[in-house]
Amino acid sequence: MVTLLIQGDTVTQIAQAGSAPQAVPVQQAGSANLSNVVNVGGGTWSYGTVADGSGLKGCYSNYLHNSKGHGATAILANSNDKVHASAGNWANAYAVAGWAYTCNTYWSVD
């Protein structure tokens, strides 16, 4: 299993090497309003932040894998949403909190 972690402006790939996980920097994000679509892990991942209709910050992680079960997670302050989906269906995770908090997003493949 490979998982990507976003903390602030840094995207990190968490990969298993032997029995100990290793963090490898992947890319720097461009701004606090992070919005990206990338092909990773054999699927498509969309993640970022948006202005929620309530005036708060929305943090989202959406992942699609067409041949394996998979998941998406969005964490913002105390708001945490983890969604699992079967092959061919989107896993859409969404969390809401104040603008001062950092959006952390993840994807995973079974």
PDB file of N, CA and C in Angstrom:
ATOM      1  N   MET A   1       0.841  -1.170   0.000  1.00  0.00           N
ATOM      2  CA  MET A   1       0.000   0.000   0.000  1.00  0.00           C
ATOM      3  C   MET A   1       0.890   1.237   0.000  1.00  0.00           C
ATOM      4  N   VAL A   2       0.504   2.233  -0.780  1.00  0.00           N
ATOM      5  CA  VAL A   2       1.197   3.517  -0.814  1.00  0.00           C
ATOM      6  C   VAL A   2       0.189   4.581  -0.422  1.00  0.00           C
ATOM      7  N   THR A   3       0.583   5.495   0.434  1.00  0.00           N
ATOM      8  CA  THR A   3      -0.288   6.573   0.881  1.00  0.00           C
ATOM      9  C   THR A   3       0.440   7.890   0.713  1.00  0.00           C
ATOM     10  N   LEU A   4      -0.281   8.911   0.258  1.00  0.00           N
ATOM     11  CA  LEU A   4       0.278  10.256   0.196  1.00  0.00           C
ATOM     12  C   LEU A   4      -0.298  11.067   1.341  1.00  0.00           C
ATOM     13  N   LEU A   5       0.520  11.902   1.930  1.00  0.00           N
ATOM     14  CA  LEU A   5       0.146  12.762   3.042  1.00  0.00           C
ATOM     15  C   LEU A   5       0.414  14.200   2.645  1.00  0.00           C
ATOM     16  N   ILE A   6      -0.556  15.080   2.893  1.00  0.00           N
ATOM     17  CA  ILE A   6      -0.351  16.506   2.654  1.00  0.00           C
ATOM     18  C   ILE A   6      -0.428  17.206   3.996  1.00  0.00           C
ATOM     19  N   GLN A   7       0.630  17.916   4.341  1.00  0.00           N
ATOM     20  CA  GLN A   7       0.671  18.715   5.555  1.00  0.00           C
ATOM     21  C   GLN A   7       1.121  20.102   5.162  1.00  0.00           C
ATOM     22  N   GLY A   8       0.240  21.058   5.304  1.00  0.00           N
ATOM     23  CA  GLY A   8       0.576  22.412   4.895  1.00  0.00           C
ATOM     24  C   GLY A   8       0.846  22.446   3.409  1.00  0.00           C
ATOM     25  N   ASP A   9       2.054  22.858   3.023  1.00  0.00           N
ATOM     26  CA  ASP A   9       2.411  22.970   1.616  1.00  0.00           C
ATOM     27  C   ASP A   9       3.277  21.819   1.114  1.00  0.00           C
ATOM     28  N   THR A  10       3.395  20.739   1.889  1.00  0.00           N
ATOM     29  CA  THR A  10       4.265  19.640   1.488  1.00  0.00           C
ATOM     30  C   THR A  10       3.473  18.365   1.257  1.00  0.00           C
ATOM     31  N   VAL A  11       3.690  17.727   0.113  1.00  0.00           N
ATOM     32  CA  VAL A  11       3.093  16.433  -0.193  1.00  0.00           C
ATOM     33  C   VAL A  11       4.167  15.388   0.027  1.00  0.00           C
ATOM     34  N   THR A  12       3.860  14.360   0.824  1.00  0.00           N
ATOM     35  CA  THR A  12       4.829  13.326   1.139  1.00  0.00           C
ATOM     36  C   THR A  12       4.255  11.965   0.800  1.00  0.00           C
ATOM     37  N   GLN A  13       5.047  11.117   0.144  1.00  0.00           N
ATOM     38  CA  GLN A  13       4.631   9.746  -0.151  1.00  0.00           C
ATOM     39  C   GLN A  13       5.103   8.861   0.983  1.00  0.00           C
ATOM     40  N   ILE A  14       4.181   8.121   1.589  1.00  0.00           N
ATOM     41  CA  ILE A  14       4.514   7.186   2.650  1.00  0.00           C
ATOM     42  C   ILE A  14       4.543   5.805   2.002  1.00  0.00           C
ATOM     43  N   ALA A  15       5.717   5.211   1.884  1.00  0.00           N
ATOM     44  CA  ALA A  15       5.866   3.921   1.206  1.00  0.00           C
ATOM     45  C   ALA A  15       6.449   2.903   2.176  1.00  0.00           C
ATOM     46  N   GLN A  16       6.039   1.667   2.040  1.00  0.00           N
ATOM     47  CA  GLN A  16       6.579   0.609   2.869  1.00  0.00           C
ATOM     48  C   GLN A  16       7.875   0.101   2.255  1.00  0.00           C
ATOM     49  N   ALA A  17       8.949   0.119   3.005  1.00  0.00           N
ATOM     50  CA  ALA A  17      10.229  -0.443   2.571  1.00  0.00           C
ATOM     51  C   ALA A  17      10.655  -1.431   3.640  1.00  0.00           C
ATOM     52  N   GLY A  18      10.519  -2.712   3.386  1.00  0.00           N
ATOM     53  CA  GLY A  18      10.765  -3.703   4.423  1.00  0.00           C
ATOM     54  C   GLY A  18       9.663  -3.609   5.451  1.00  0.00           C
ATOM     55  N   SER A  19      10.022  -3.457   6.712  1.00  0.00           N
ATOM     56  CA  SER A  19       9.007  -3.361   7.756  1.00  0.00           C
ATOM     57  C   SER A  19       8.834  -1.945   8.285  1.00  0.00           C
ATOM     58  N   ALA A  20       9.674  -1.017   7.844  1.00  0.00           N
ATOM     59  CA  ALA A  20       9.598   0.353   8.353  1.00  0.00           C
ATOM     60  C   ALA A  20       9.116   1.306   7.266  1.00  0.00           C
ATOM     61  N   PRO A  21       8.052   2.089   7.536  1.00  0.00           N
ATOM     62  CA  PRO A  21       7.604   3.057   6.534  1.00  0.00           C
ATOM     63  C   PRO A  21       8.634   4.163   6.341  1.00  0.00           C
ATOM     64  N   GLN A  22       8.720   4.675   5.122  1.00  0.00           N
ATOM     65  CA  GLN A  22       9.636   5.768   4.819  1.00  0.00           C
ATOM     66  C   GLN A  22       8.856   6.911   4.197  1.00  0.00           C
ATOM     67  N   ALA A  23       9.170   8.128   4.598  1.00  0.00           N
ATOM     68  CA  ALA A  23       8.548   9.315   4.011  1.00  0.00           C
ATOM     69  C   ALA A  23       9.498   9.893   2.977  1.00  0.00           C
ATOM     70  N   VAL A  24       8.995  10.090   1.766  1.00  0.00           N
ATOM     71  CA  VAL A  24       9.794  10.622   0.665  1.00  0.00           C
ATOM     72  C   VAL A  24       9.098  11.856   0.123  1.00  0.00           C
ATOM     73  N   PRO A  25       9.715  13.058   0.157  1.00  0.00           N
ATOM     74  CA  PRO A  25       9.054  14.246  -0.380  1.00  0.00           C
ATOM     75  C   PRO A  25       8.710  14.064  -1.853  1.00  0.00           C
ATOM     76  N   VAL A  26       7.502  14.471  -2.234  1.00  0.00           N
ATOM     77  CA  VAL A  26       7.046  14.325  -3.608  1.00  0.00           C
ATOM     78  C   VAL A  26       6.987  15.670  -4.314  1.00  0.00           C
ATOM     79  N   GLN A  27       6.337  16.669  -3.723  1.00  0.00           N
ATOM     80  CA  GLN A  27       6.236  17.973  -4.364  1.00  0.00           C
ATOM     81  C   GLN A  27       5.869  19.027  -3.343  1.00  0.00           C
ATOM     82  N   GLN A  28       6.090  20.270  -3.687  1.00  0.00           N
ATOM     83  CA  GLN A  28       5.648  21.393  -2.882  1.00  0.00           C
ATOM     84  C   GLN A  28       4.356  21.922  -3.485  1.00  0.00           C
ATOM     85  N   ALA A  29       3.391  22.188  -2.664  1.00  0.00           N
ATOM     86  CA  ALA A  29       2.130  22.744  -3.135  1.00  0.00           C
ATOM     87  C   ALA A  29       2.294  24.239  -3.371  1.00  0.00           C
ATOM     88  N   GLY A  30       1.439  24.801  -4.206  1.00  0.00           N
ATOM     89  CA  GLY A  30       1.612  26.181  -4.611  1.00  0.00           C
ATOM     90  C   GLY A  30       1.058  27.222  -3.667  1.00  0.00           C
ATOM     91  N   SER A  31      -0.036  26.943  -2.943  1.00  0.00           N
ATOM     92  CA  SER A  31      -0.651  27.983  -2.128  1.00  0.00           C
ATOM     93  C   SER A  31      -1.478  27.370  -1.024  1.00  0.00           C
ATOM     94  N   ALA A  32      -1.981  28.230  -0.141  1.00  0.00           N
ATOM     95  CA  ALA A  32      -2.825  27.751   0.945  1.00  0.00           C
ATOM     96  C   ALA A  32      -4.137  27.189   0.410  1.00  0.00           C
ATOM     97  N   ASN A  33      -4.628  27.708  -0.708  1.00  0.00           N
ATOM     98  CA  ASN A  33      -5.829  27.167  -1.333  1.00  0.00           C
ATOM     99  C   ASN A  33      -5.422  26.083  -2.321  1.00  0.00           C
ATOM    100  N   LEU A  34      -5.020  24.960  -1.770  1.00  0.00           N
ATOM    101  CA  LEU A  34      -4.487  23.854  -2.546  1.00  0.00           C
ATOM    102  C   LEU A  34      -5.591  23.169  -3.333  1.00  0.00           C
ATOM    103  N   SER A  35      -5.388  22.997  -4.622  1.00  0.00           N
ATOM    104  CA  SER A  35      -6.345  22.283  -5.454  1.00  0.00           C
ATOM    105  C   SER A  35      -5.576  21.580  -6.554  1.00  0.00           C
ATOM    106  N   ASN A  36      -5.561  20.266  -6.517  1.00  0.00           N
ATOM    107  CA  ASN A  36      -4.782  19.486  -7.460  1.00  0.00           C
ATOM    108  C   ASN A  36      -5.539  18.248  -7.900  1.00  0.00           C
ATOM    109  N   VAL A  37      -5.235  17.791  -9.102  1.00  0.00           N
ATOM    110  CA  VAL A  37      -5.688  16.496  -9.602  1.00  0.00           C
ATOM    111  C   VAL A  37      -4.452  15.795 -10.132  1.00  0.00           C
ATOM    112  N   VAL A  38      -4.166  14.606  -9.589  1.00  0.00           N
ATOM    113  CA  VAL A  38      -2.979  13.858  -9.993  1.00  0.00           C
ATOM    114  C   VAL A  38      -3.331  12.387 -10.183  1.00  0.00           C
ATOM    115  N   ASN A  39      -2.563  11.715 -11.027  1.00  0.00           N
ATOM    116  CA  ASN A  39      -2.687  10.274 -11.198  1.00  0.00           C
ATOM    117  C   ASN A  39      -1.658   9.615 -10.294  1.00  0.00           C
ATOM    118  N   VAL A  40      -2.137   8.888  -9.278  1.00  0.00           N
ATOM    119  CA  VAL A  40      -1.260   8.233  -8.310  1.00  0.00           C
ATOM    120  C   VAL A  40      -1.820   6.860  -7.959  1.00  0.00           C
ATOM    121  N   GLY A  41      -0.935   5.918  -7.691  1.00  0.00           N
ATOM    122  CA  GLY A  41      -1.353   4.606  -7.222  1.00  0.00           C
ATOM    123  C   GLY A  41      -2.264   3.854  -8.170  1.00  0.00           C
ATOM    124  N   GLY A  42      -2.245   4.199  -9.440  1.00  0.00           N
ATOM    125  CA  GLY A  42      -3.116   3.540 -10.408  1.00  0.00           C
ATOM    126  C   GLY A  42      -4.493   4.158 -10.510  1.00  0.00           C
ATOM    127  N   GLY A  43      -4.707   5.273  -9.803  1.00  0.00           N
ATOM    128  CA  GLY A  43      -6.006   5.941  -9.826  1.00  0.00           C
ATOM    129  C   GLY A  43      -5.859   7.445  -9.983  1.00  0.00           C
ATOM    130  N   THR A  44      -6.963   8.148  -9.787  1.00  0.00           N
ATOM    131  CA  THR A  44      -7.000   9.608  -9.900  1.00  0.00           C
ATOM    132  C   THR A  44      -7.354  10.194  -8.550  1.00  0.00           C
ATOM    133  N   TRP A  45      -6.557  11.171  -8.102  1.00  0.00           N
ATOM    134  CA  TRP A  45      -6.762  11.805  -6.799  1.00  0.00           C
ATOM    135  C   TRP A  45      -6.939  13.298  -6.981  1.00  0.00           C
ATOM    136  N   SER A  46      -8.008  13.814  -6.433  1.00  0.00           N
ATOM    137  CA  SER A  46      -8.286  15.244  -6.401  1.00  0.00           C
ATOM    138  C   SER A  46      -8.314  15.661  -4.936  1.00  0.00           C
ATOM    139  N   TYR A  47      -7.584  16.716  -4.595  1.00  0.00           N
ATOM    140  CA  TYR A  47      -7.519  17.130  -3.196  1.00  0.00           C
ATOM    141  C   TYR A  47      -7.303  18.628  -3.105  1.00  0.00           C
ATOM    142  N   GLY A  48      -7.688  19.205  -1.976  1.00  0.00           N
ATOM    143  CA  GLY A  48      -7.442  20.619  -1.794  1.00  0.00           C
ATOM    144  C   GLY A  48      -8.352  21.256  -0.771  1.00  0.00           C
ATOM    145  N   THR A  49      -8.423  22.584  -0.840  1.00  0.00           N
ATOM    146  CA  THR A  49      -9.272  23.355   0.056  1.00  0.00           C
ATOM    147  C   THR A  49     -10.197  24.238  -0.760  1.00  0.00           C
ATOM    148  N   VAL A  50     -11.341  24.526  -0.182  1.00  0.00           N
ATOM    149  CA  VAL A  50     -12.337  25.391  -0.814  1.00  0.00           C
ATOM    150  C   VAL A  50     -12.985  26.247   0.262  1.00  0.00           C
ATOM    151  N   ALA A  51     -13.634  27.310  -0.166  1.00  0.00           N
ATOM    152  CA  ALA A  51     -14.444  28.107   0.750  1.00  0.00           C
ATOM    153  C   ALA A  51     -15.779  27.389   0.902  1.00  0.00           C
ATOM    154  N   ASP A  52     -16.054  26.923   2.115  1.00  0.00           N
ATOM    155  CA  ASP A  52     -17.312  26.246   2.386  1.00  0.00           C
ATOM    156  C   ASP A  52     -18.436  27.280   2.377  1.00  0.00           C
ATOM    157  N   GLY A  53     -19.633  26.887   2.039  1.00  0.00           N
ATOM    158  CA  GLY A  53     -20.763  27.810   1.970  1.00  0.00           C
ATOM    159  C   GLY A  53     -21.043  28.534   3.276  1.00  0.00           C
ATOM    160  N   SER A  54     -20.554  28.005   4.391  1.00  0.00           N
ATOM    161  CA  SER A  54     -20.786  28.618   5.700  1.00  0.00           C
ATOM    162  C   SER A  54     -19.729  29.656   6.055  1.00  0.00           C
ATOM    163  N   GLY A  55     -18.762  29.897   5.156  1.00  0.00           N
ATOM    164  CA  GLY A  55     -17.685  30.841   5.438  1.00  0.00           C
ATOM    165  C   GLY A  55     -16.471  30.186   6.068  1.00  0.00           C
ATOM    166  N   LEU A  56     -16.550  28.891   6.302  1.00  0.00           N
ATOM    167  CA  LEU A  56     -15.421  28.157   6.857  1.00  0.00           C
ATOM    168  C   LEU A  56     -14.578  27.558   5.735  1.00  0.00           C
ATOM    169  N   LYS A  57     -13.497  26.908   6.104  1.00  0.00           N
ATOM    170  CA  LYS A  57     -12.608  26.252   5.150  1.00  0.00           C
ATOM    171  C   LYS A  57     -13.059  24.807   4.956  1.00  0.00           C
ATOM    172  N   GLY A  58     -13.165  24.393   3.705  1.00  0.00           N
ATOM    173  CA  GLY A  58     -13.469  23.003   3.387  1.00  0.00           C
ATOM    174  C   GLY A  58     -12.207  22.311   2.912  1.00  0.00           C
ATOM    175  N   CYS A  59     -11.987  21.100   3.369  1.00  0.00           N
ATOM    176  CA  CYS A  59     -10.815  20.295   3.017  1.00  0.00           C
ATOM    177  C   CYS A  59     -11.341  19.018   2.370  1.00  0.00           C
ATOM    178  N   TYR A  60     -10.884  18.721   1.140  1.00  0.00           N
ATOM    179  CA  TYR A  60     -11.426  17.540   0.466  1.00  0.00           C
ATOM    180  C   TYR A  60     -10.337  16.638  -0.089  1.00  0.00           C
ATOM    181  N   SER A  61     -10.666  15.351  -0.153  1.00  0.00           N
ATOM    182  CA  SER A  61      -9.818  14.334  -0.760  1.00  0.00           C
ATOM    183  C   SER A  61     -10.741  13.368  -1.482  1.00  0.00           C
ATOM    184  N   ASN A  62     -10.608  13.292  -2.809  1.00  0.00           N
ATOM    185  CA  ASN A  62     -11.449  12.418  -3.628  1.00  0.00           C
ATOM    186  C   ASN A  62     -10.539  11.498  -4.428  1.00  0.00           C
ATOM    187  N   TYR A  63     -10.755  10.180  -4.313  1.00  0.00           N
ATOM    188  CA  TYR A  63      -9.879   9.234  -5.006  1.00  0.00           C
ATOM    189  C   TYR A  63     -10.712   8.193  -5.741  1.00  0.00           C
ATOM    190  N   LEU A  64     -10.287   7.886  -6.973  1.00  0.00           N
ATOM    191  CA  LEU A  64     -10.946   6.875  -7.807  1.00  0.00           C
ATOM    192  C   LEU A  64      -9.914   5.875  -8.293  1.00  0.00           C
ATOM    193  N   HIS A  65     -10.189   4.594  -8.061  1.00  0.00           N
ATOM    194  CA  HIS A  65      -9.372   3.513  -8.628  1.00  0.00           C
ATOM    195  C   HIS A  65     -10.345   2.558  -9.303  1.00  0.00           C
ATOM    196  N   ASN A  66     -10.115   2.256 -10.566  1.00  0.00           N
ATOM    197  CA  ASN A  66     -11.077   1.467 -11.336  1.00  0.00           C
ATOM    198  C   ASN A  66     -10.997  -0.036 -11.126  1.00  0.00           C
ATOM    199  N   SER A  67      -9.911  -0.550 -10.527  1.00  0.00           N
ATOM    200  CA  SER A  67      -9.803  -2.006 -10.395  1.00  0.00           C
ATOM    201  C   SER A  67      -9.566  -2.507  -8.972  1.00  0.00           C
ATOM    202  N   LYS A  68      -9.427  -1.607  -7.988  1.00  0.00           N
ATOM    203  CA  LYS A  68      -9.194  -2.017  -6.601  1.00  0.00           C
ATOM    204  C   LYS A  68     -10.018  -1.164  -5.646  1.00  0.00           C
ATOM    205  N   GLY A  69     -10.328  -1.740  -4.486  1.00  0.00           N
ATOM    206  CA  GLY A  69     -10.921  -0.951  -3.426  1.00  0.00           C
ATOM    207  C   GLY A  69      -9.924   0.111  -2.990  1.00  0.00           C
ATOM    208  N   HIS A  70     -10.418   1.234  -2.476  1.00  0.00           N
ATOM    209  CA  HIS A  70      -9.535   2.357  -2.178  1.00  0.00           C
ATOM    210  C   HIS A  70     -10.202   3.290  -1.180  1.00  0.00           C
ATOM    211  N   GLY A  71      -9.439   4.256  -0.685  1.00  0.00           N
ATOM    212  CA  GLY A  71      -9.979   5.181   0.293  1.00  0.00           C
ATOM    213  C   GLY A  71      -9.452   6.588   0.128  1.00  0.00           C
ATOM    214  N   ALA A  72     -10.165   7.514   0.755  1.00  0.00           N
ATOM    215  CA  ALA A  72      -9.773   8.922   0.796  1.00  0.00           C
ATOM    216  C   ALA A  72     -10.036   9.432   2.204  1.00  0.00           C
ATOM    217  N   THR A  73      -9.145  10.295   2.687  1.00  0.00           N
ATOM    218  CA  THR A  73      -9.293  10.878   4.017  1.00  0.00           C
ATOM    219  C   THR A  73      -9.021  12.374   3.949  1.00  0.00           C
ATOM    220  N   ALA A  74      -9.846  13.151   4.650  1.00  0.00           N
ATOM    221  CA  ALA A  74      -9.647  14.595   4.794  1.00  0.00           C
ATOM    222  C   ALA A  74      -9.699  14.920   6.285  1.00  0.00           C
ATOM    223  N   ILE A  75      -8.681  15.628   6.769  1.00  0.00           N
ATOM    224  CA  ILE A  75      -8.616  16.008   8.179  1.00  0.00           C
ATOM    225  C   ILE A  75      -8.348  17.503   8.265  1.00  0.00           C
ATOM    226  N   LEU A  76      -9.174  18.188   9.034  1.00  0.00           N
ATOM    227  CA  LEU A  76      -9.031  19.627   9.246  1.00  0.00           C
ATOM    228  C   LEU A  76      -9.424  19.910  10.688  1.00  0.00           C
ATOM    229  N   ALA A  77      -8.441  20.264  11.519  1.00  0.00           N
ATOM    230  CA  ALA A  77      -8.654  20.470  12.957  1.00  0.00           C
ATOM    231  C   ALA A  77      -9.257  19.192  13.540  1.00  0.00           C
ATOM    232  N   ASN A  78     -10.418  19.289  14.218  1.00  0.00           N
ATOM    233  CA  ASN A  78     -11.065  18.114  14.805  1.00  0.00           C
ATOM    234  C   ASN A  78     -12.031  17.428  13.855  1.00  0.00           C
ATOM    235  N   SER A  79     -12.159  17.935  12.649  1.00  0.00           N
ATOM    236  CA  SER A  79     -13.047  17.346  11.646  1.00  0.00           C
ATOM    237  C   SER A  79     -12.260  16.313  10.841  1.00  0.00           C
ATOM    238  N   ASN A  80     -12.747  15.073  10.825  1.00  0.00           N
ATOM    239  CA  ASN A  80     -12.033  13.972  10.187  1.00  0.00           C
ATOM    240  C   ASN A  80     -13.035  13.117   9.419  1.00  0.00           C
ATOM    241  N   ASP A  81     -12.820  12.954   8.116  1.00  0.00           N
ATOM    242  CA  ASP A  81     -13.705  12.128   7.293  1.00  0.00           C
ATOM    243  C   ASP A  81     -12.865  11.116   6.529  1.00  0.00           C
ATOM    244  N   LYS A  82     -13.152   9.832   6.726  1.00  0.00           N
ATOM    245  CA  LYS A  82     -12.446   8.755   6.029  1.00  0.00           C
ATOM    246  C   LYS A  82     -13.490   7.920   5.302  1.00  0.00           C
ATOM    247  N   VAL A  83     -13.309   7.775   3.974  1.00  0.00           N
ATOM    248  CA  VAL A  83     -14.296   7.085   3.143  1.00  0.00           C
ATOM    249  C   VAL A  83     -13.610   5.970   2.367  1.00  0.00           C
ATOM    250  N   HIS A  84     -14.238   4.798   2.331  1.00  0.00           N
ATOM    251  CA  HIS A  84     -13.744   3.677   1.525  1.00  0.00           C
ATOM    252  C   HIS A  84     -14.730   3.444   0.390  1.00  0.00           C
ATOM    253  N   ALA A  85     -14.213   3.087  -0.789  1.00  0.00           N
ATOM    254  CA  ALA A  85     -15.078   2.816  -1.943  1.00  0.00           C
ATOM    255  C   ALA A  85     -14.587   1.570  -2.672  1.00  0.00           C
ATOM    256  N   SER A  86     -15.507   0.908  -3.341  1.00  0.00           N
ATOM    257  CA  SER A  86     -15.144  -0.252  -4.154  1.00  0.00           C
ATOM    258  C   SER A  86     -14.604   0.220  -5.500  1.00  0.00           C
ATOM    259  N   ALA A  87     -13.981  -0.697  -6.220  1.00  0.00           N
ATOM    260  CA  ALA A  87     -13.398  -0.384  -7.528  1.00  0.00           C
ATOM    261  C   ALA A  87     -14.423   0.302  -8.423  1.00  0.00           C
ATOM    262  N   GLY A  88     -13.986   1.362  -9.098  1.00  0.00           N
ATOM    263  CA  GLY A  88     -14.840   2.078 -10.039  1.00  0.00           C
ATOM    264  C   GLY A  88     -15.719   3.153  -9.432  1.00  0.00           C
ATOM    265  N   ASN A  89     -15.690   3.307  -8.108  1.00  0.00           N
ATOM    266  CA  ASN A  89     -16.487   4.332  -7.426  1.00  0.00           C
ATOM    267  C   ASN A  89     -15.569   5.331  -6.727  1.00  0.00           C
ATOM    268  N   TRP A  90     -15.989   6.590  -6.702  1.00  0.00           N
ATOM    269  CA  TRP A  90     -15.208   7.629  -6.025  1.00  0.00           C
ATOM    270  C   TRP A  90     -15.319   7.487  -4.515  1.00  0.00           C
ATOM    271  N   ALA A  91     -14.210   7.649  -3.815  1.00  0.00           N
ATOM    272  CA  ALA A  91     -14.187   7.822  -2.364  1.00  0.00           C
ATOM    273  C   ALA A  91     -14.037   9.322  -2.140  1.00  0.00           C
ATOM    274  N   ASN A  92     -15.071   9.964  -1.595  1.00  0.00           N
ATOM    275  CA  ASN A  92     -15.094  11.423  -1.424  1.00  0.00           C
ATOM    276  C   ASN A  92     -15.115  11.767   0.061  1.00  0.00           C
ATOM    277  N   ALA A  93     -14.019  12.312   0.565  1.00  0.00           N
ATOM    278  CA  ALA A  93     -13.929  12.713   1.969  1.00  0.00           C
ATOM    279  C   ALA A  93     -13.920  14.236   2.053  1.00  0.00           C
ATOM    280  N   TYR A  94     -14.595  14.779   3.088  1.00  0.00           N
ATOM    281  CA  TYR A  94     -14.713  16.230   3.227  1.00  0.00           C
ATOM    282  C   TYR A  94     -14.741  16.599   4.702  1.00  0.00           C
ATOM    283  N   ALA A  95     -13.948  17.599   5.079  1.00  0.00           N
ATOM    284  CA  ALA A  95     -13.903  18.083   6.455  1.00  0.00           C
ATOM    285  C   ALA A  95     -14.004  19.609   6.444  1.00  0.00           C
ATOM    286  N   VAL A  96     -14.580  20.178   7.512  1.00  0.00           N
ATOM    287  CA  VAL A  96     -14.793  21.627   7.591  1.00  0.00           C
ATOM    288  C   VAL A  96     -14.290  22.155   8.933  1.00  0.00           C
ATOM    289  N   ALA A  97     -13.596  23.305   8.896  1.00  0.00           N
ATOM    290  CA  ALA A  97     -13.153  23.995  10.116  1.00  0.00           C
ATOM    291  C   ALA A  97     -12.761  25.418   9.733  1.00  0.00           C
ATOM    292  N   GLY A  98     -12.175  26.136  10.662  1.00  0.00           N
ATOM    293  CA  GLY A  98     -11.760  27.514  10.414  1.00  0.00           C
ATOM    294  C   GLY A  98     -10.567  27.605   9.476  1.00  0.00           C
ATOM    295  N   TRP A  99     -10.378  28.792   8.908  1.00  0.00           N
ATOM    296  CA  TRP A  99      -9.313  29.017   7.922  1.00  0.00           C
ATOM    297  C   TRP A  99      -7.912  28.910   8.508  1.00  0.00           C
ATOM    298  N   ALA A 100      -7.760  29.015   9.809  1.00  0.00           N
ATOM    299  CA  ALA A 100      -6.428  28.949  10.423  1.00  0.00           C
ATOM    300  C   ALA A 100      -5.864  27.530  10.457  1.00  0.00           C
ATOM    301  N   TYR A 101      -6.706  26.533  10.245  1.00  0.00           N
ATOM    302  CA  TYR A 101      -6.272  25.142  10.362  1.00  0.00           C
ATOM    303  C   TYR A 101      -5.695  24.598   9.056  1.00  0.00           C
ATOM    304  N   THR A 102      -4.797  23.629   9.187  1.00  0.00           N
ATOM    305  CA  THR A 102      -4.135  22.998   8.038  1.00  0.00           C
ATOM    306  C   THR A 102      -4.950  21.807   7.546  1.00  0.00           C
ATOM    307  N   CYS A 103      -5.145  21.748   6.250  1.00  0.00           N
ATOM    308  CA  CYS A 103      -5.852  20.646   5.594  1.00  0.00           C
ATOM    309  C   CYS A 103      -4.864  19.503   5.346  1.00  0.00           C
ATOM    310  N   ASN A 104      -5.161  18.324   5.873  1.00  0.00           N
ATOM    311  CA  ASN A 104      -4.343  17.129   5.644  1.00  0.00           C
ATOM    312  C   ASN A 104      -5.180  16.123   4.874  1.00  0.00           C
ATOM    313  N   THR A 105      -4.685  15.662   3.729  1.00  0.00           N
ATOM    314  CA  THR A 105      -5.438  14.732   2.893  1.00  0.00           C
ATOM    315  C   THR A 105      -4.602  13.504   2.575  1.00  0.00           C
ATOM    316  N   TYR A 106      -5.304  12.381   2.383  1.00  0.00           N
ATOM    317  CA  TYR A 106      -4.649  11.109   2.122  1.00  0.00           C
ATOM    318  C   TYR A 106      -5.456  10.317   1.102  1.00  0.00           C
ATOM    319  N   TRP A 107      -4.789   9.380   0.435  1.00  0.00           N
ATOM    320  CA  TRP A 107      -5.458   8.378  -0.391  1.00  0.00           C
ATOM    321  C   TRP A 107      -4.819   7.035  -0.079  1.00  0.00           C
ATOM    322  N   SER A 108      -5.533   5.960  -0.358  1.00  0.00           N
ATOM    323  CA  SER A 108      -4.967   4.628  -0.147  1.00  0.00           C
ATOM    324  C   SER A 108      -5.613   3.643  -1.112  1.00  0.00           C
ATOM    325  N   VAL A 109      -4.896   2.558  -1.389  1.00  0.00           N
ATOM    326  CA  VAL A 109      -5.399   1.478  -2.234  1.00  0.00           C
ATOM    327  C   VAL A 109      -5.308   0.194  -1.429  1.00  0.00           C
ATOM    328  N   ASP A 110      -6.366  -0.614  -1.458  1.00  0.00           N
ATOM    329  CA  ASP A 110      -6.372  -1.883  -0.718  1.00  0.00           C
ATOM    330  C   ASP A 110      -5.325  -2.838  -1.258  1.00  0.00           C
TER     331      ASP A 110
END
